[in-house]
Amino acid sequence: MTSCNCPNPPGGVVNCPDDHIAICRVVDGQAMSECIPPEAGLSDEAQAVRIVEIVTRRPVLGPLTPTERAILASGTYVSPDGSMNVTFKVPPVKSAGGGATMVAS
């Protein structure tokens, strides 16, 4: 199971299947949970871009910036205007290359 804690307030926990991304998005004090399934066939970089776009609800227009990489590394995001606070957990992703794993937490 992939789980993440929701920001306080209101708090809570999101539990998702093992291979899904667990997201808790607090917008204007209301928690909304999401379980995002993996998308087959994406490279590690394309998967990272997809995750940042889902979490921030904004398109990524090129390679990930240091700020976007920091979002992935921290597992948190706050919108520029402060109206959206997101926590998320990315499960380990097995590389097609044989046994290596990538984890963003």
PDB file of N, CA and C in Angstrom:
ATOM      1  N   MET A   1       0.846  -1.182   0.000  1.00  0.00           N
ATOM      2  CA  MET A   1       0.000   0.000   0.000  1.00  0.00           C
ATOM      3  C   MET A   1       0.889   1.242   0.000  1.00  0.00           C
ATOM      4  N   THR A   2       0.529   2.201  -0.829  1.00  0.00           N
ATOM      5  CA  THR A   2       1.217   3.496  -0.840  1.00  0.00           C
ATOM      6  C   THR A   2       0.338   4.477  -0.076  1.00  0.00           C
ATOM      7  N   SER A   3       0.898   5.139   0.935  1.00  0.00           N
ATOM      8  CA  SER A   3       0.125   6.042   1.785  1.00  0.00           C
ATOM      9  C   SER A   3       0.830   7.377   1.933  1.00  0.00           C
ATOM     10  N   CYS A   4       0.026   8.421   2.150  1.00  0.00           N
ATOM     11  CA  CYS A   4       0.599   9.714   2.529  1.00  0.00           C
ATOM     12  C   CYS A   4      -0.361  10.403   3.486  1.00  0.00           C
ATOM     13  N   ASN A   5       0.208  11.237   4.326  1.00  0.00           N
ATOM     14  CA  ASN A   5      -0.587  12.007   5.277  1.00  0.00           C
ATOM     15  C   ASN A   5      -1.027  13.311   4.624  1.00  0.00           C
ATOM     16  N   CYS A   6      -2.239  13.725   4.935  1.00  0.00           N
ATOM     17  CA  CYS A   6      -2.766  14.986   4.419  1.00  0.00           C
ATOM     18  C   CYS A   6      -2.267  16.143   5.278  1.00  0.00           C
ATOM     19  N   PRO A   7      -2.074  17.300   4.657  1.00  0.00           N
ATOM     20  CA  PRO A   7      -1.680  18.473   5.436  1.00  0.00           C
ATOM     21  C   PRO A   7      -2.743  18.819   6.492  1.00  0.00           C
ATOM     22  N   ASN A   8      -2.272  19.401   7.591  1.00  0.00           N
ATOM     23  CA  ASN A   8      -3.175  19.886   8.637  1.00  0.00           C
ATOM     24  C   ASN A   8      -3.362  21.377   8.484  1.00  0.00           C
ATOM     25  N   PRO A   9      -4.560  21.879   8.693  1.00  0.00           N
ATOM     26  CA  PRO A   9      -5.808  21.141   8.733  1.00  0.00           C
ATOM     27  C   PRO A   9      -6.237  20.744   7.334  1.00  0.00           C
ATOM     28  N   PRO A  10      -7.066  19.822   7.123  1.00  0.00           N
ATOM     29  CA  PRO A  10      -7.831  19.034   8.079  1.00  0.00           C
ATOM     30  C   PRO A  10      -7.145  17.749   8.499  1.00  0.00           C
ATOM     31  N   GLY A  11      -6.032  17.354   7.850  1.00  0.00           N
ATOM     32  CA  GLY A  11      -5.358  16.111   8.205  1.00  0.00           C
ATOM     33  C   GLY A  11      -6.012  14.911   7.540  1.00  0.00           C
ATOM     34  N   GLY A  12      -5.551  13.743   7.939  1.00  0.00           N
ATOM     35  CA  GLY A  12      -6.062  12.493   7.393  1.00  0.00           C
ATOM     36  C   GLY A  12      -4.953  11.726   6.697  1.00  0.00           C
ATOM     37  N   VAL A  13      -5.328  10.591   6.119  1.00  0.00           N
ATOM     38  CA  VAL A  13      -4.383   9.712   5.435  1.00  0.00           C
ATOM     39  C   VAL A  13      -5.014   9.225   4.145  1.00  0.00           C
ATOM     40  N   VAL A  14      -4.201   9.116   3.096  1.00  0.00           N
ATOM     41  CA  VAL A  14      -4.634   8.543   1.822  1.00  0.00           C
ATOM     42  C   VAL A  14      -3.924   7.209   1.674  1.00  0.00           C
ATOM     43  N   ASN A  15      -4.678   6.143   1.419  1.00  0.00           N
ATOM     44  CA  ASN A  15      -4.125   4.816   1.186  1.00  0.00           C
ATOM     45  C   ASN A  15      -4.481   4.380  -0.225  1.00  0.00           C
ATOM     46  N   CYS A  16      -3.470   3.976  -0.993  1.00  0.00           N
ATOM     47  CA  CYS A  16      -3.654   3.584  -2.391  1.00  0.00           C
ATOM     48  C   CYS A  16      -3.018   2.220  -2.637  1.00  0.00           C
ATOM     49  N   PRO A  17      -3.347   1.592  -3.760  1.00  0.00           N
ATOM     50  CA  PRO A  17      -2.671   0.340  -4.114  1.00  0.00           C
ATOM     51  C   PRO A  17      -1.157   0.551  -4.228  1.00  0.00           C
ATOM     52  N   ASP A  18      -0.413  -0.547  -4.091  1.00  0.00           N
ATOM     53  CA  ASP A  18       1.052  -0.498  -4.061  1.00  0.00           C
ATOM     54  C   ASP A  18       1.692   0.286  -5.194  1.00  0.00           C
ATOM     55  N   ASP A  19       1.174   0.172  -6.404  1.00  0.00           N
ATOM     56  CA  ASP A  19       1.836   0.786  -7.554  1.00  0.00           C
ATOM     57  C   ASP A  19       1.287   2.165  -7.916  1.00  0.00           C
ATOM     58  N   HIS A  20       0.384   2.699  -7.110  1.00  0.00           N
ATOM     59  CA  HIS A  20      -0.230   4.006  -7.387  1.00  0.00           C
ATOM     60  C   HIS A  20       0.469   5.128  -6.636  1.00  0.00           C
ATOM     61  N   ILE A  21       0.342   6.342  -7.149  1.00  0.00           N
ATOM     62  CA  ILE A  21       0.810   7.541  -6.464  1.00  0.00           C
ATOM     63  C   ILE A  21      -0.311   7.991  -5.532  1.00  0.00           C
ATOM     64  N   ALA A  22      -0.010   8.164  -4.261  1.00  0.00           N
ATOM     65  CA  ALA A  22      -0.994   8.645  -3.284  1.00  0.00           C
ATOM     66  C   ALA A  22      -0.864  10.158  -3.184  1.00  0.00           C
ATOM     67  N   ILE A  23      -1.986  10.860  -3.364  1.00  0.00           N
ATOM     68  CA  ILE A  23      -1.978  12.324  -3.320  1.00  0.00           C
ATOM     69  C   ILE A  23      -3.080  12.805  -2.388  1.00  0.00           C
ATOM     70  N   CYS A  24      -2.732  13.745  -1.518  1.00  0.00           N
ATOM     71  CA  CYS A  24      -3.733  14.443  -0.723  1.00  0.00           C
ATOM     72  C   CYS A  24      -3.587  15.923  -1.030  1.00  0.00           C
ATOM     73  N   ARG A  25      -4.645  16.486  -1.564  1.00  0.00           N
ATOM     74  CA  ARG A  25      -4.658  17.885  -1.994  1.00  0.00           C
ATOM     75  C   ARG A  25      -5.643  18.631  -1.104  1.00  0.00           C
ATOM     76  N   VAL A  26      -5.171  19.653  -0.398  1.00  0.00           N
ATOM     77  CA  VAL A  26      -6.043  20.482   0.433  1.00  0.00           C
ATOM     78  C   VAL A  26      -6.219  21.815  -0.283  1.00  0.00           C
ATOM     79  N   VAL A  27      -7.459  22.089  -0.665  1.00  0.00           N
ATOM     80  CA  VAL A  27      -7.785  23.328  -1.366  1.00  0.00           C
ATOM     81  C   VAL A  27      -8.844  24.050  -0.548  1.00  0.00           C
ATOM     82  N   ASP A  28      -8.533  25.266  -0.128  1.00  0.00           N
ATOM     83  CA  ASP A  28      -9.457  26.063   0.670  1.00  0.00           C
ATOM     84  C   ASP A  28      -9.999  25.267   1.856  1.00  0.00           C
ATOM     85  N   GLY A  29      -9.117  24.536   2.544  1.00  0.00           N
ATOM     86  CA  GLY A  29      -9.480  23.809   3.753  1.00  0.00           C
ATOM     87  C   GLY A  29     -10.138  22.457   3.536  1.00  0.00           C
ATOM     88  N   GLN A  30     -10.369  22.051   2.297  1.00  0.00           N
ATOM     89  CA  GLN A  30     -11.015  20.765   1.996  1.00  0.00           C
ATOM     90  C   GLN A  30      -9.987  19.789   1.450  1.00  0.00           C
ATOM     91  N   ALA A  31      -9.913  18.589   2.048  1.00  0.00           N
ATOM     92  CA  ALA A  31      -8.987  17.560   1.588  1.00  0.00           C
ATOM     93  C   ALA A  31      -9.626  16.744   0.474  1.00  0.00           C
ATOM     94  N   MET A  32      -8.851  16.519  -0.577  1.00  0.00           N
ATOM     95  CA  MET A  32      -9.272  15.679  -1.694  1.00  0.00           C
ATOM     96  C   MET A  32      -8.167  14.670  -1.933  1.00  0.00           C
ATOM     97  N   SER A  33      -8.501  13.393  -1.871  1.00  0.00           N
ATOM     98  CA  SER A  33      -7.486  12.369  -2.068  1.00  0.00           C
ATOM     99  C   SER A  33      -7.584  11.786  -3.467  1.00  0.00           C
ATOM    100  N   GLU A  34      -6.435  11.349  -3.970  1.00  0.00           N
ATOM    101  CA  GLU A  34      -6.354  10.745  -5.289  1.00  0.00           C
ATOM    102  C   GLU A  34      -5.378   9.582  -5.240  1.00  0.00           C
ATOM    103  N   CYS A  35      -5.675   8.557  -6.021  1.00  0.00           N
ATOM    104  CA  CYS A  35      -4.755   7.455  -6.248  1.00  0.00           C
ATOM    105  C   CYS A  35      -4.538   7.403  -7.753  1.00  0.00           C
ATOM    106  N   ILE A  36      -3.340   7.711  -8.184  1.00  0.00           N
ATOM    107  CA  ILE A  36      -3.036   7.806  -9.610  1.00  0.00           C
ATOM    108  C   ILE A  36      -2.292   6.540 -10.040  1.00  0.00           C
ATOM    109  N   PRO A  37      -2.853   5.799 -11.007  1.00  0.00           N
ATOM    110  CA  PRO A  37      -2.171   4.585 -11.464  1.00  0.00           C
ATOM    111  C   PRO A  37      -0.952   4.925 -12.306  1.00  0.00           C
ATOM    112  N   PRO A  38      -0.002   3.988 -12.384  1.00  0.00           N
ATOM    113  CA  PRO A  38       1.175   4.236 -13.213  1.00  0.00           C
ATOM    114  C   PRO A  38       0.780   4.254 -14.687  1.00  0.00           C
ATOM    115  N   GLU A  39       1.593   4.925 -15.491  1.00  0.00           N
ATOM    116  CA  GLU A  39       1.376   4.941 -16.932  1.00  0.00           C
ATOM    117  C   GLU A  39       2.507   4.144 -17.575  1.00  0.00           C
ATOM    118  N   ALA A  40       2.147   3.026 -18.172  1.00  0.00           N
ATOM    119  CA  ALA A  40       3.139   2.123 -18.756  1.00  0.00           C
ATOM    120  C   ALA A  40       3.873   2.780 -19.916  1.00  0.00           C
ATOM    121  N   GLY A  41       5.118   2.391 -20.080  1.00  0.00           N
ATOM    122  CA  GLY A  41       5.882   2.812 -21.237  1.00  0.00           C
ATOM    123  C   GLY A  41       6.580   4.151 -21.125  1.00  0.00           C
ATOM    124  N   LEU A  42       6.460   4.834 -19.997  1.00  0.00           N
ATOM    125  CA  LEU A  42       7.121   6.132 -19.851  1.00  0.00           C
ATOM    126  C   LEU A  42       8.522   5.948 -19.289  1.00  0.00           C
ATOM    127  N   SER A  43       9.455   6.758 -19.761  1.00  0.00           N
ATOM    128  CA  SER A  43      10.792   6.777 -19.175  1.00  0.00           C
ATOM    129  C   SER A  43      10.700   7.358 -17.765  1.00  0.00           C
ATOM    130  N   ASP A  44      11.756   7.194 -16.985  1.00  0.00           N
ATOM    131  CA  ASP A  44      11.771   7.766 -15.636  1.00  0.00           C
ATOM    132  C   ASP A  44      11.546   9.274 -15.680  1.00  0.00           C
ATOM    133  N   GLU A  45      12.192   9.958 -16.643  1.00  0.00           N
ATOM    134  CA  GLU A  45      12.045  11.413 -16.746  1.00  0.00           C
ATOM    135  C   GLU A  45      10.619  11.796 -17.132  1.00  0.00           C
ATOM    136  N   ALA A  46      10.026  11.087 -18.086  1.00  0.00           N
ATOM    137  CA  ALA A  46       8.649  11.377 -18.497  1.00  0.00           C
ATOM    138  C   ALA A  46       7.676  11.108 -17.353  1.00  0.00           C
ATOM    139  N   GLN A  47       7.939  10.062 -16.573  1.00  0.00           N
ATOM    140  CA  GLN A  47       7.092   9.769 -15.415  1.00  0.00           C
ATOM    141  C   GLN A  47       7.216  10.894 -14.379  1.00  0.00           C
ATOM    142  N   ALA A  48       8.438  11.406 -14.171  1.00  0.00           N
ATOM    143  CA  ALA A  48       8.645  12.507 -13.224  1.00  0.00           C
ATOM    144  C   ALA A  48       7.895  13.756 -13.679  1.00  0.00           C
ATOM    145  N   VAL A  49       7.950  14.068 -14.974  1.00  0.00           N
ATOM    146  CA  VAL A  49       7.217  15.218 -15.512  1.00  0.00           C
ATOM    147  C   VAL A  49       5.726  15.036 -15.282  1.00  0.00           C
ATOM    148  N   ARG A  50       5.219  13.836 -15.574  1.00  0.00           N
ATOM    149  CA  ARG A  50       3.783  13.538 -15.379  1.00  0.00           C
ATOM    150  C   ARG A  50       3.378  13.770 -13.925  1.00  0.00           C
ATOM    151  N   ILE A  51       4.194  13.301 -12.991  1.00  0.00           N
ATOM    152  CA  ILE A  51       3.871  13.452 -11.568  1.00  0.00           C
ATOM    153  C   ILE A  51       3.825  14.932 -11.186  1.00  0.00           C
ATOM    154  N   VAL A  52       4.822  15.708 -11.623  1.00  0.00           N
ATOM    155  CA  VAL A  52       4.839  17.143 -11.298  1.00  0.00           C
ATOM    156  C   VAL A  52       3.604  17.825 -11.880  1.00  0.00           C
ATOM    157  N   GLU A  53       3.227  17.488 -13.099  1.00  0.00           N
ATOM    158  CA  GLU A  53       2.033  18.100 -13.703  1.00  0.00           C
ATOM    159  C   GLU A  53       0.767  17.755 -12.921  1.00  0.00           C
ATOM    160  N   ILE A  54       0.646  16.507 -12.479  1.00  0.00           N
ATOM    161  CA  ILE A  54      -0.532  16.093 -11.710  1.00  0.00           C
ATOM    162  C   ILE A  54      -0.569  16.813 -10.364  1.00  0.00           C
ATOM    163  N   VAL A  55       0.574  16.848  -9.685  1.00  0.00           N
ATOM    164  CA  VAL A  55       0.635  17.448  -8.350  1.00  0.00           C
ATOM    165  C   VAL A  55       0.381  18.949  -8.400  1.00  0.00           C
ATOM    166  N   THR A  56       1.014  19.646  -9.335  1.00  0.00           N
ATOM    167  CA  THR A  56       0.911  21.106  -9.382  1.00  0.00           C
ATOM    168  C   THR A  56      -0.288  21.606 -10.176  1.00  0.00           C
ATOM    169  N   ARG A  57      -0.878  20.704 -10.969  1.00  0.00           N
ATOM    170  CA  ARG A  57      -1.967  21.082 -11.879  1.00  0.00           C
ATOM    171  C   ARG A  57      -1.527  22.163 -12.861  1.00  0.00           C
ATOM    172  N   ARG A  58      -0.254  22.073 -13.263  1.00  0.00           N
ATOM    173  CA  ARG A  58       0.310  23.018 -14.230  1.00  0.00           C
ATOM    174  C   ARG A  58       1.160  22.235 -15.220  1.00  0.00           C
ATOM    175  N   PRO A  59       1.181  22.650 -16.484  1.00  0.00           N
ATOM    176  CA  PRO A  59       2.005  21.933 -17.455  1.00  0.00           C
ATOM    177  C   PRO A  59       3.499  22.179 -17.224  1.00  0.00           C
ATOM    178  N   VAL A  60       4.290  21.171 -17.506  1.00  0.00           N
ATOM    179  CA  VAL A  60       5.749  21.303 -17.493  1.00  0.00           C
ATOM    180  C   VAL A  60       6.157  21.513 -18.942  1.00  0.00           C
ATOM    181  N   LEU A  61       6.830  22.614 -19.223  1.00  0.00           N
ATOM    182  CA  LEU A  61       7.099  23.018 -20.595  1.00  0.00           C
ATOM    183  C   LEU A  61       8.488  22.640 -21.106  1.00  0.00           C
ATOM    184  N   GLY A  62       9.188  21.803 -20.395  1.00  0.00           N
ATOM    185  CA  GLY A  62      10.519  21.388 -20.812  1.00  0.00           C
ATOM    186  C   GLY A  62      11.077  20.444 -19.769  1.00  0.00           C
ATOM    187  N   PRO A  63      12.387  20.292 -19.736  1.00  0.00           N
ATOM    188  CA  PRO A  63      12.989  19.461 -18.694  1.00  0.00           C
ATOM    189  C   PRO A  63      12.641  20.020 -17.313  1.00  0.00           C
ATOM    190  N   LEU A  64      12.595  19.140 -16.327  1.00  0.00           N
ATOM    191  CA  LEU A  64      12.277  19.586 -14.973  1.00  0.00           C
ATOM    192  C   LEU A  64      13.298  20.593 -14.469  1.00  0.00           C
ATOM    193  N   THR A  65      12.812  21.635 -13.849  1.00  0.00           N
ATOM    194  CA  THR A  65      13.667  22.654 -13.246  1.00  0.00           C
ATOM    195  C   THR A  65      14.136  22.169 -11.871  1.00  0.00           C
ATOM    196  N   PRO A  66      15.130  22.801 -11.283  1.00  0.00           N
ATOM    197  CA  PRO A  66      15.528  22.441  -9.921  1.00  0.00           C
ATOM    198  C   PRO A  66      14.360  22.554  -8.925  1.00  0.00           C
ATOM    199  N   THR A  67      13.505  23.547  -9.102  1.00  0.00           N
ATOM    200  CA  THR A  67      12.338  23.700  -8.219  1.00  0.00           C
ATOM    201  C   THR A  67      11.389  22.521  -8.364  1.00  0.00           C
ATOM    202  N   GLU A  68      11.147  22.085  -9.587  1.00  0.00           N
ATOM    203  CA  GLU A  68      10.252  20.941  -9.819  1.00  0.00           C
ATOM    204  C   GLU A  68      10.872  19.651  -9.278  1.00  0.00           C
ATOM    205  N   ARG A  69      12.177  19.508  -9.401  1.00  0.00           N
ATOM    206  CA  ARG A  69      12.856  18.335  -8.826  1.00  0.00           C
ATOM    207  C   ARG A  69      12.770  18.347  -7.303  1.00  0.00           C
ATOM    208  N   ALA A  70      12.817  19.533  -6.715  1.00  0.00           N
ATOM    209  CA  ALA A  70      12.677  19.657  -5.261  1.00  0.00           C
ATOM    210  C   ALA A  70      11.270  19.249  -4.815  1.00  0.00           C
ATOM    211  N   ILE A  71      10.257  19.559  -5.615  1.00  0.00           N
ATOM    212  CA  ILE A  71       8.885  19.127  -5.308  1.00  0.00           C
ATOM    213  C   ILE A  71       8.843  17.604  -5.253  1.00  0.00           C
ATOM    214  N   LEU A  72       9.410  16.953  -6.263  1.00  0.00           N
ATOM    215  CA  LEU A  72       9.442  15.488  -6.285  1.00  0.00           C
ATOM    216  C   LEU A  72      10.171  14.929  -5.072  1.00  0.00           C
ATOM    217  N   ALA A  73      11.304  15.506  -4.749  1.00  0.00           N
ATOM    218  CA  ALA A  73      12.120  15.010  -3.643  1.00  0.00           C
ATOM    219  C   ALA A  73      11.431  15.183  -2.293  1.00  0.00           C
ATOM    220  N   SER A  74      10.695  16.281  -2.129  1.00  0.00           N
ATOM    221  CA  SER A  74      10.081  16.572  -0.830  1.00  0.00           C
ATOM    222  C   SER A  74       8.734  15.884  -0.635  1.00  0.00           C
ATOM    223  N   GLY A  75       8.045  15.575  -1.741  1.00  0.00           N
ATOM    224  CA  GLY A  75       6.704  14.996  -1.613  1.00  0.00           C
ATOM    225  C   GLY A  75       5.673  16.012  -1.171  1.00  0.00           C
ATOM    226  N   THR A  76       5.990  17.299  -1.355  1.00  0.00           N
ATOM    227  CA  THR A  76       5.059  18.365  -0.971  1.00  0.00           C
ATOM    228  C   THR A  76       5.048  19.465  -2.020  1.00  0.00           C
ATOM    229  N   TYR A  77       3.931  20.184  -2.072  1.00  0.00           N
ATOM    230  CA  TYR A  77       3.812  21.324  -2.973  1.00  0.00           C
ATOM    231  C   TYR A  77       2.777  22.280  -2.401  1.00  0.00           C
ATOM    232  N   VAL A  78       3.093  23.574  -2.423  1.00  0.00           N
ATOM    233  CA  VAL A  78       2.137  24.625  -2.067  1.00  0.00           C
ATOM    234  C   VAL A  78       2.047  25.555  -3.268  1.00  0.00           C
ATOM    235  N   SER A  79       0.824  25.810  -3.733  1.00  0.00           N
ATOM    236  CA  SER A  79       0.651  26.678  -4.901  1.00  0.00           C
ATOM    237  C   SER A  79       1.174  28.081  -4.598  1.00  0.00           C
ATOM    238  N   PRO A  80       1.578  28.811  -5.647  1.00  0.00           N
ATOM    239  CA  PRO A  80       2.126  30.158  -5.428  1.00  0.00           C
ATOM    240  C   PRO A  80       1.208  31.083  -4.628  1.00  0.00           C
ATOM    241  N   ASP A  81      -0.102  30.952  -4.803  1.00  0.00           N
ATOM    242  CA  ASP A  81      -1.028  31.820  -4.059  1.00  0.00           C
ATOM    243  C   ASP A  81      -1.416  31.240  -2.696  1.00  0.00           C
ATOM    244  N   GLY A  82      -0.896  30.038  -2.365  1.00  0.00           N
ATOM    245  CA  GLY A  82      -1.155  29.429  -1.069  1.00  0.00           C
ATOM    246  C   GLY A  82      -2.508  28.759  -0.916  1.00  0.00           C
ATOM    247  N   SER A  83      -3.306  28.725  -1.981  1.00  0.00           N
ATOM    248  CA  SER A  83      -4.658  28.160  -1.858  1.00  0.00           C
ATOM    249  C   SER A  83      -4.686  26.635  -1.945  1.00  0.00           C
ATOM    250  N   MET A  84      -3.576  26.013  -2.387  1.00  0.00           N
ATOM    251  CA  MET A  84      -3.525  24.561  -2.524  1.00  0.00           C
ATOM    252  C   MET A  84      -2.258  24.036  -1.860  1.00  0.00           C
ATOM    253  N   ASN A  85      -2.419  23.061  -0.973  1.00  0.00           N
ATOM    254  CA  ASN A  85      -1.320  22.433  -0.251  1.00  0.00           C
ATOM    255  C   ASN A  85      -1.405  20.939  -0.536  1.00  0.00           C
ATOM    256  N   VAL A  86      -0.347  20.360  -1.101  1.00  0.00           N
ATOM    257  CA  VAL A  86      -0.382  18.977  -1.557  1.00  0.00           C
ATOM    258  C   VAL A  86       0.732  18.172  -0.909  1.00  0.00           C
ATOM    259  N   THR A  87       0.399  16.966  -0.454  1.00  0.00           N
ATOM    260  CA  THR A  87       1.396  15.973  -0.078  1.00  0.00           C
ATOM    261  C   THR A  87       1.180  14.769  -0.985  1.00  0.00           C
ATOM    262  N   PHE A  88       2.260  14.064  -1.272  1.00  0.00           N
ATOM    263  CA  PHE A  88       2.131  12.889  -2.135  1.00  0.00           C
ATOM    264  C   PHE A  88       3.264  11.909  -1.863  1.00  0.00           C
ATOM    265  N   LYS A  89       3.012  10.662  -2.236  1.00  0.00           N
ATOM    266  CA  LYS A  89       4.006   9.600  -2.085  1.00  0.00           C
ATOM    267  C   LYS A  89       4.041   8.819  -3.380  1.00  0.00           C
ATOM    268  N   VAL A  90       5.234   8.703  -3.947  1.00  0.00           N
ATOM    269  CA  VAL A  90       5.441   7.947  -5.173  1.00  0.00           C
ATOM    270  C   VAL A  90       6.032   6.594  -4.784  1.00  0.00           C
ATOM    271  N   PRO A  91       5.411   5.498  -5.240  1.00  0.00           N
ATOM    272  CA  PRO A  91       5.959   4.181  -4.899  1.00  0.00           C
ATOM    273  C   PRO A  91       7.248   3.921  -5.690  1.00  0.00           C
ATOM    274  N   PRO A  92       8.050   2.966  -5.238  1.00  0.00           N
ATOM    275  CA  PRO A  92       9.236   2.597  -6.022  1.00  0.00           C
ATOM    276  C   PRO A  92       8.810   2.161  -7.422  1.00  0.00           C
ATOM    277  N   VAL A  93       9.566   2.590  -8.414  1.00  0.00           N
ATOM    278  CA  VAL A  93       9.271   2.231  -9.801  1.00  0.00           C
ATOM    279  C   VAL A  93      10.419   1.394 -10.319  1.00  0.00           C
ATOM    280  N   LYS A  94      10.110   0.211 -10.803  1.00  0.00           N
ATOM    281  CA  LYS A  94      11.159  -0.657 -11.340  1.00  0.00           C
ATOM    282  C   LYS A  94      11.528  -0.195 -12.737  1.00  0.00           C
ATOM    283  N   SER A  95      12.810  -0.087 -12.946  1.00  0.00           N
ATOM    284  CA  SER A  95      13.337   0.289 -14.259  1.00  0.00           C
ATOM    285  C   SER A  95      13.256  -0.903 -15.202  1.00  0.00           C
ATOM    286  N   ALA A  96      13.059  -0.643 -16.484  1.00  0.00           N
ATOM    287  CA  ALA A  96      13.047  -1.702 -17.482  1.00  0.00           C
ATOM    288  C   ALA A  96      14.429  -2.327 -17.623  1.00  0.00           C
ATOM    289  N   GLY A  97      15.445  -1.685 -17.083  1.00  0.00           N
ATOM    290  CA  GLY A  97      16.803  -2.159 -17.209  1.00  0.00           C
ATOM    291  C   GLY A  97      17.157  -3.326 -16.314  1.00  0.00           C
ATOM    292  N   GLY A  98      16.295  -3.753 -15.435  1.00  0.00           N
ATOM    293  CA  GLY A  98      16.554  -4.949 -14.667  1.00  0.00           C
ATOM    294  C   GLY A  98      16.882  -4.730 -13.213  1.00  0.00           C
ATOM    295  N   GLY A  99      15.905  -4.448 -12.408  1.00  0.00           N
ATOM    296  CA  GLY A  99      16.067  -4.481 -10.976  1.00  0.00           C
ATOM    297  C   GLY A  99      16.333  -3.158 -10.300  1.00  0.00           C
ATOM    298  N   ALA A 100      16.789  -2.151 -10.998  1.00  0.00           N
ATOM    299  CA  ALA A 100      17.027  -0.862 -10.356  1.00  0.00           C
ATOM    300  C   ALA A 100      15.700  -0.216 -10.008  1.00  0.00           C
ATOM    301  N   THR A 101      15.679   0.576  -8.952  1.00  0.00           N
ATOM    302  CA  THR A 101      14.449   1.249  -8.570  1.00  0.00           C
ATOM    303  C   THR A 101      14.692   2.732  -8.413  1.00  0.00           C
ATOM    304  N   MET A 102      13.631   3.504  -8.610  1.00  0.00           N
ATOM    305  CA  MET A 102      13.674   4.949  -8.415  1.00  0.00           C
ATOM    306  C   MET A 102      12.590   5.276  -7.410  1.00  0.00           C
ATOM    307  N   VAL A 103      12.908   6.077  -6.409  1.00  0.00           N
ATOM    308  CA  VAL A 103      11.925   6.470  -5.412  1.00  0.00           C
ATOM    309  C   VAL A 103      11.976   7.968  -5.246  1.00  0.00           C
ATOM    310  N   ALA A 104      10.810   8.598  -5.349  1.00  0.00           N
ATOM    311  CA  ALA A 104      10.689  10.015  -5.015  1.00  0.00           C
ATOM    312  C   ALA A 104       9.777  10.082  -3.816  1.00  0.00           C
ATOM    313  N   SER A 105      10.258  10.606  -2.721  1.00  0.00           N
ATOM    314  CA  SER A 105       9.404  10.657  -1.527  1.00  0.00           C
ATOM    315  C   SER A 105       9.436  12.011  -0.889  1.00  0.00           C
TER     316      SER A 105
END
